[in-house]
PDB file of all heavy atoms in Angstrom:
ATOM      1  N   GLY A   1      19.695 166.402-280.245  1.00  0.00           N
ATOM      2  CA  GLY A   1      18.773 167.197-281.037  1.00  0.00           C
ATOM      3  C   GLY A   1      17.346 166.687-280.944  1.00  0.00           C
ATOM      4  O   GLY A   1      17.089 165.493-280.772  1.00  0.00           O
ATOM      5  N   ALA A   2      16.399 167.616-281.059  1.00  0.00           N
ATOM      6  CA  ALA A   2      14.979 167.274-280.939  1.00  0.00           C
ATOM      7  C   ALA A   2      14.518 166.476-282.149  1.00  0.00           C
ATOM      8  O   ALA A   2      14.998 166.660-283.271  1.00  0.00           O
ATOM      9  CB  ALA A   2      14.151 168.543-280.797  1.00  0.00           C
ATOM     10  N   GLY A   3      13.557 165.582-281.915  1.00  0.00           N
ATOM     11  CA  GLY A   3      12.936 164.813-282.982  1.00  0.00           C
ATOM     12  C   GLY A   3      11.440 164.986-282.958  1.00  0.00           C
ATOM     13  O   GLY A   3      10.897 165.750-282.145  1.00  0.00           O
ATOM     14  N   PRO A   4      10.708 164.298-283.827  1.00  0.00           N
ATOM     15  CA  PRO A   4       9.236 164.386-283.818  1.00  0.00           C
ATOM     16  C   PRO A   4       8.675 163.917-282.483  1.00  0.00           C
ATOM     17  O   PRO A   4       9.229 163.021-281.837  1.00  0.00           O
ATOM     18  CB  PRO A   4       8.813 163.453-284.951  1.00  0.00           C
ATOM     19  CG  PRO A   4      10.036 163.181-285.722  1.00  0.00           C
ATOM     20  CD  PRO A   4      11.208 163.390-284.841  1.00  0.00           C
ATOM     21  N   THR A   5       7.584 164.526-282.025  1.00  0.00           N
ATOM     22  CA  THR A   5       7.013 164.167-280.719  1.00  0.00           C
ATOM     23  C   THR A   5       6.595 162.707-280.651  1.00  0.00           C
ATOM     24  O   THR A   5       6.550 162.128-279.572  1.00  0.00           O
ATOM     25  CB  THR A   5       5.797 165.054-280.413  1.00  0.00           C
ATOM     26  OG1 THR A   5       4.860 164.958-281.489  1.00  0.00           O
ATOM     27  CG2 THR A   5       6.222 166.494-280.227  1.00  0.00           C
ATOM     28  N   ALA A   6       6.303 162.097-281.790  1.00  0.00           N
ATOM     29  CA  ALA A   6       5.916 160.690-281.782  1.00  0.00           C
ATOM     30  C   ALA A   6       7.101 159.789-281.461  1.00  0.00           C
ATOM     31  O   ALA A   6       6.919 158.667-280.963  1.00  0.00           O
ATOM     32  CB  ALA A   6       5.321 160.306-283.136  1.00  0.00           C
ATOM     33  N   ALA A   7       8.319 160.273-281.733  1.00  0.00           N
ATOM     34  CA  ALA A   7       9.508 159.460-281.495  1.00  0.00           C
ATOM     35  C   ALA A   7      10.361 159.990-280.353  1.00  0.00           C
ATOM     36  O   ALA A   7      11.022 159.225-279.648  1.00  0.00           O
ATOM     37  CB  ALA A   7      10.340 159.381-282.778  1.00  0.00           C
ATOM     38  N   ASP A   8      10.375 161.301-280.157  1.00  0.00           N
ATOM     39  CA  ASP A   8      11.154 161.924-279.091  1.00  0.00           C
ATOM     40  C   ASP A   8      10.241 162.076-277.882  1.00  0.00           C
ATOM     41  O   ASP A   8       9.376 162.962-277.846  1.00  0.00           O
ATOM     42  CB  ASP A   8      11.679 163.283-279.548  1.00  0.00           C
ATOM     43  CG  ASP A   8      12.681 163.873-278.568  1.00  0.00           C
ATOM     44  OD1 ASP A   8      12.704 163.429-277.400  1.00  0.00           O
ATOM     45  OD2 ASP A   8      13.439 164.777-278.961  1.00  0.00           O
ATOM     46  N   LEU A   9      10.423 161.225-276.890  1.00  0.00           N
ATOM     47  CA  LEU A   9       9.466 161.149-275.772  1.00  0.00           C
ATOM     48  C   LEU A   9       9.939 161.897-274.527  1.00  0.00           C
ATOM     49  O   LEU A   9       9.323 161.762-273.467  1.00  0.00           O
ATOM     50  CB  LEU A   9       9.213 159.680-275.420  1.00  0.00           C
ATOM     51  CG  LEU A   9       8.729 158.795-276.580  1.00  0.00           C
ATOM     52  CD1 LEU A   9       8.515 157.369-276.093  1.00  0.00           C
ATOM     53  CD2 LEU A   9       7.458 159.353-277.198  1.00  0.00           C
ATOM     54  N   ARG A  10      10.973 162.717-274.621  1.00  0.00           N
ATOM     55  CA  ARG A  10      11.436 163.466-273.448  1.00  0.00           C
ATOM     56  C   ARG A  10      10.391 164.505-273.050  1.00  0.00           C
ATOM     57  O   ARG A  10       9.933 165.297-273.871  1.00  0.00           O
ATOM     58  CB  ARG A  10      12.770 164.140-273.761  1.00  0.00           C
ATOM     59  CG  ARG A  10      13.916 163.144-273.951  1.00  0.00           C
ATOM     60  CD  ARG A  10      15.171 163.823-274.440  1.00  0.00           C
ATOM     61  NE  ARG A  10      15.061 164.278-275.813  1.00  0.00           N
ATOM     62  CZ  ARG A  10      16.043 164.894-276.470  1.00  0.00           C
ATOM     63  NH1 ARG A  10      17.191 165.151-275.846  1.00  0.00           N
ATOM     64  NH2 ARG A  10      15.884 165.278-277.720  1.00  0.00           N
ATOM     65  N   ARG A  11      10.013 164.498-271.777  1.00  0.00           N
ATOM     66  CA  ARG A  11       8.929 165.363-271.310  1.00  0.00           C
ATOM     67  C   ARG A  11       9.254 165.922-269.921  1.00  0.00           C
ATOM     68  O   ARG A  11      10.101 165.407-269.193  1.00  0.00           O
ATOM     69  CB  ARG A  11       7.603 164.588-271.196  1.00  0.00           C
ATOM     70  CG  ARG A  11       7.139 163.911-272.478  1.00  0.00           C
ATOM     71  CD  ARG A  11       6.519 164.912-273.440  1.00  0.00           C
ATOM     72  NE  ARG A  11       5.940 164.226-274.578  1.00  0.00           N
ATOM     73  CZ  ARG A  11       6.593 163.929-275.703  1.00  0.00           C
ATOM     74  NH1 ARG A  11       7.884 164.244-275.818  1.00  0.00           N
ATOM     75  NH2 ARG A  11       5.996 163.300-276.700  1.00  0.00           N
ATOM     76  N   SER A  12       8.512 166.965-269.531  1.00  0.00           N
ATOM     77  CA  SER A  12       8.524 167.456-268.153  1.00  0.00           C
ATOM     78  C   SER A  12       7.101 167.829-267.781  1.00  0.00           C
ATOM     79  O   SER A  12       6.286 168.169-268.638  1.00  0.00           O
ATOM     80  CB  SER A  12       9.439 168.674-268.012  1.00  0.00           C
ATOM     81  OG  SER A  12       8.892 169.788-268.679  1.00  0.00           O
ATOM     82  N   GLY A  13       6.812 167.769-266.478  1.00  0.00           N
ATOM     83  CA  GLY A  13       5.484 168.098-265.977  1.00  0.00           C
ATOM     84  C   GLY A  13       5.220 167.343-264.703  1.00  0.00           C
ATOM     85  O   GLY A  13       5.984 166.452-264.321  1.00  0.00           O
ATOM     86  N   PRO A  14       4.143 167.652-264.006  1.00  0.00           N
ATOM     87  CA  PRO A  14       3.864 167.026-262.711  1.00  0.00           C
ATOM     88  C   PRO A  14       3.385 165.588-262.853  1.00  0.00           C
ATOM     89  O   PRO A  14       2.647 165.247-263.780  1.00  0.00           O
ATOM     90  CB  PRO A  14       2.764 167.911-262.124  1.00  0.00           C
ATOM     91  CG  PRO A  14       2.064 168.481-263.324  1.00  0.00           C
ATOM     92  CD  PRO A  14       3.133 168.689-264.354  1.00  0.00           C
ATOM     93  N   ALA A  15       3.807 164.734-261.941  1.00  0.00           N
ATOM     94  CA  ALA A  15       3.347 163.344-261.945  1.00  0.00           C
ATOM     95  C   ALA A  15       1.868 163.253-261.614  1.00  0.00           C
ATOM     96  O   ALA A  15       1.141 162.443-262.184  1.00  0.00           O
ATOM     97  CB  ALA A  15       4.156 162.521-260.946  1.00  0.00           C
ATOM     98  N   LEU A  16       1.399 164.092-260.687  1.00  0.00           N
ATOM     99  CA  LEU A  16      -0.020 164.125-260.322  1.00  0.00           C
ATOM    100  C   LEU A  16      -0.618 165.426-260.840  1.00  0.00           C
ATOM    101  O   LEU A  16      -0.032 166.498-260.684  1.00  0.00           O
ATOM    102  CB  LEU A  16      -0.182 164.039-258.806  1.00  0.00           C
ATOM    103  CG  LEU A  16       0.400 162.788-258.131  1.00  0.00           C
ATOM    104  CD1 LEU A  16       0.180 162.853-256.626  1.00  0.00           C
ATOM    105  CD2 LEU A  16      -0.208 161.527-258.710  1.00  0.00           C
ATOM    106  N   GLY A  17      -1.773 165.334-261.461  1.00  0.00           N
ATOM    107  CA  GLY A  17      -2.442 166.530-261.948  1.00  0.00           C
ATOM    108  C   GLY A  17      -1.938 167.029-263.265  1.00  0.00           C
ATOM    109  O   GLY A  17      -2.072 168.221-263.576  1.00  0.00           O
ATOM    110  N   GLY A  18      -1.326 166.143-264.068  1.00  0.00           N
ATOM    111  CA  GLY A  18      -0.852 166.566-265.373  1.00  0.00           C
ATOM    112  C   GLY A  18      -2.000 166.956-266.290  1.00  0.00           C
ATOM    113  O   GLY A  18      -3.037 166.294-266.333  1.00  0.00           O
ATOM    114  N   SER A  19      -1.825 168.056-267.019  1.00  0.00           N
ATOM    115  CA  SER A  19      -2.836 168.496-267.979  1.00  0.00           C
ATOM    116  C   SER A  19      -2.121 169.117-269.175  1.00  0.00           C
ATOM    117  O   SER A  19      -0.906 169.308-269.163  1.00  0.00           O
ATOM    118  CB  SER A  19      -3.782 169.527-267.351  1.00  0.00           C
ATOM    119  OG  SER A  19      -3.087 170.722-267.062  1.00  0.00           O
ATOM    120  N   ALA A  20      -2.896 169.412-270.198  1.00  0.00           N
ATOM    121  CA  ALA A  20      -2.294 169.992-271.399  1.00  0.00           C
ATOM    122  C   ALA A  20      -1.638 171.329-271.116  1.00  0.00           C
ATOM    123  O   ALA A  20      -0.774 171.779-271.871  1.00  0.00           O
ATOM    124  CB  ALA A  20      -3.363 170.143-272.483  1.00  0.00           C
ATOM    125  N   SER A  21      -2.011 172.004-270.011  1.00  0.00           N
ATOM    126  CA  SER A  21      -1.456 173.325-269.707  1.00  0.00           C
ATOM    127  C   SER A  21      -0.163 173.263-268.913  1.00  0.00           C
ATOM    128  O   SER A  21       0.599 174.229-268.902  1.00  0.00           O
ATOM    129  CB  SER A  21      -2.480 174.162-268.936  1.00  0.00           C
ATOM    130  OG  SER A  21      -2.766 173.547-267.677  1.00  0.00           O
ATOM    131  N   ASN A  22       0.110 172.152-268.211  1.00  0.00           N
ATOM    132  CA  ASN A  22       1.313 172.103-267.381  1.00  0.00           C
ATOM    133  C   ASN A  22       2.290 170.998-267.760  1.00  0.00           C
ATOM    134  O   ASN A  22       3.283 170.795-267.077  1.00  0.00           O
ATOM    135  CB  ASN A  22       0.948 172.001-265.891  1.00  0.00           C
ATOM    136  CG  ASN A  22       0.180 170.735-265.557  1.00  0.00           C
ATOM    137  OD1 ASN A  22       0.193 169.774-266.318  1.00  0.00           O
ATOM    138  ND2 ASN A  22      -0.496 170.740-264.414  1.00  0.00           N
ATOM    139  N   VAL A  23       1.988 170.248-268.835  1.00  0.00           N
ATOM    140  CA  VAL A  23       2.939 169.264-269.339  1.00  0.00           C
ATOM    141  C   VAL A  23       3.660 169.869-270.529  1.00  0.00           C
ATOM    142  O   VAL A  23       3.030 170.299-271.498  1.00  0.00           O
ATOM    143  CB  VAL A  23       2.229 167.958-269.739  1.00  0.00           C
ATOM    144  CG1 VAL A  23       3.204 167.027-270.450  1.00  0.00           C
ATOM    145  CG2 VAL A  23       1.655 167.281-268.499  1.00  0.00           C
ATOM    146  N   ASP A  24       4.965 169.919-270.443  1.00  0.00           N
ATOM    147  CA  ASP A  24       5.773 170.542-271.491  1.00  0.00           C
ATOM    148  C   ASP A  24       6.151 169.489-272.523  1.00  0.00           C
ATOM    149  O   ASP A  24       6.933 168.591-272.233  1.00  0.00           O
ATOM    150  CB  ASP A  24       7.021 171.144-270.865  1.00  0.00           C
ATOM    151  CG  ASP A  24       7.782 172.049-271.811  1.00  0.00           C
ATOM    152  OD1 ASP A  24       7.605 171.906-273.034  1.00  0.00           O
ATOM    153  OD2 ASP A  24       8.543 172.893-271.322  1.00  0.00           O
ATOM    154  N   VAL A  25       5.579 169.581-273.715  1.00  0.00           N
ATOM    155  CA  VAL A  25       5.868 168.598-274.755  1.00  0.00           C
ATOM    156  C   VAL A  25       6.890 169.126-275.762  1.00  0.00           C
ATOM    157  O   VAL A  25       7.114 168.510-276.791  1.00  0.00           O
ATOM    158  CB  VAL A  25       4.572 168.183-275.497  1.00  0.00           C
ATOM    159  CG1 VAL A  25       3.622 167.492-274.544  1.00  0.00           C
ATOM    160  CG2 VAL A  25       3.905 169.395-276.145  1.00  0.00           C
ATOM    161  N   SER A  26       7.489 170.268-275.482  1.00  0.00           N
ATOM    162  CA  SER A  26       8.458 170.801-276.435  1.00  0.00           C
ATOM    163  C   SER A  26       9.738 171.286-275.770  1.00  0.00           C
ATOM    164  O   SER A  26      10.835 170.888-276.159  1.00  0.00           O
ATOM    165  CB  SER A  26       7.835 171.942-277.246  1.00  0.00           C
ATOM    166  OG  SER A  26       7.374 172.958-276.385  1.00  0.00           O
ATOM    167  N   HIS A  27       9.630 172.137-274.742  1.00  0.00           N
ATOM    168  CA  HIS A  27      10.825 172.786-274.220  1.00  0.00           C
ATOM    169  C   HIS A  27      11.719 171.863-273.406  1.00  0.00           C
ATOM    170  O   HIS A  27      12.899 172.127-273.281  1.00  0.00           O
ATOM    171  CB  HIS A  27      10.437 173.990-273.361  1.00  0.00           C
ATOM    172  CG  HIS A  27       9.715 175.044-274.141  1.00  0.00           C
ATOM    173  ND1 HIS A  27       8.440 175.432-273.863  1.00  0.00           N
ATOM    174  CD2 HIS A  27      10.084 175.755-275.220  1.00  0.00           C
ATOM    175  CE1 HIS A  27       8.042 176.357-274.715  1.00  0.00           C
ATOM    176  NE2 HIS A  27       9.031 176.570-275.561  1.00  0.00           N
ATOM    177  N   ALA A  28      11.174 170.783-272.861  1.00  0.00           N
ATOM    178  CA  ALA A  28      11.994 169.906-272.036  1.00  0.00           C
ATOM    179  C   ALA A  28      13.102 169.259-272.848  1.00  0.00           C
ATOM    180  O   ALA A  28      14.101 168.837-272.303  1.00  0.00           O
ATOM    181  CB  ALA A  28      11.128 168.838-271.380  1.00  0.00           C
ATOM    182  N   ARG A  29      12.934 169.173-274.163  1.00  0.00           N
ATOM    183  CA  ARG A  29      14.000 168.578-274.961  1.00  0.00           C
ATOM    184  C   ARG A  29      14.840 169.645-275.648  1.00  0.00           C
ATOM    185  O   ARG A  29      15.677 169.342-276.488  1.00  0.00           O
ATOM    186  CB  ARG A  29      13.436 167.599-275.996  1.00  0.00           C
ATOM    187  CG  ARG A  29      12.435 168.207-276.960  1.00  0.00           C
ATOM    188  CD  ARG A  29      11.982 167.142-277.951  1.00  0.00           C
ATOM    189  NE  ARG A  29      10.857 167.600-278.743  1.00  0.00           N
ATOM    190  CZ  ARG A  29       9.584 167.460-278.392  1.00  0.00           C
ATOM    191  NH1 ARG A  29       9.287 166.878-277.238  1.00  0.00           N
ATOM    192  NH2 ARG A  29       8.611 167.877-279.162  1.00  0.00           N
ATOM    193  N   ASP A  30      14.584 170.902-275.320  1.00  0.00           N
ATOM    194  CA  ASP A  30      15.385 171.998-275.855  1.00  0.00           C
ATOM    195  C   ASP A  30      15.523 173.048-274.764  1.00  0.00           C
ATOM    196  O   ASP A  30      14.988 174.140-274.850  1.00  0.00           O
ATOM    197  CB  ASP A  30      14.720 172.585-277.099  1.00  0.00           C
ATOM    198  CG  ASP A  30      15.614 173.621-277.780  1.00  0.00           C
ATOM    199  OD1 ASP A  30      16.824 173.615-277.501  1.00  0.00           O
ATOM    200  OD2 ASP A  30      15.098 174.414-278.578  1.00  0.00           O
ATOM    201  N   LEU A  31      16.263 172.685-273.711  1.00  0.00           N
ATOM    202  CA  LEU A  31      16.438 173.588-272.584  1.00  0.00           C
ATOM    203  C   LEU A  31      17.196 174.836-273.026  1.00  0.00           C
ATOM    204  O   LEU A  31      18.051 174.791-273.901  1.00  0.00           O
ATOM    205  CB  LEU A  31      17.192 172.879-271.458  1.00  0.00           C
ATOM    206  CG  LEU A  31      16.493 171.629-270.896  1.00  0.00           C
ATOM    207  CD1 LEU A  31      17.398 170.937-269.904  1.00  0.00           C
ATOM    208  CD2 LEU A  31      15.164 171.985-270.258  1.00  0.00           C
TER     209      LEU A  31
END
């Protein structure tokens, strides 16, 4: 189950060129 973003650090996004528009801070932990 998902937790607060400060504690639940599961993420998805590009290793190079990460930005606020292409880093998923929510859906990667709730596929």
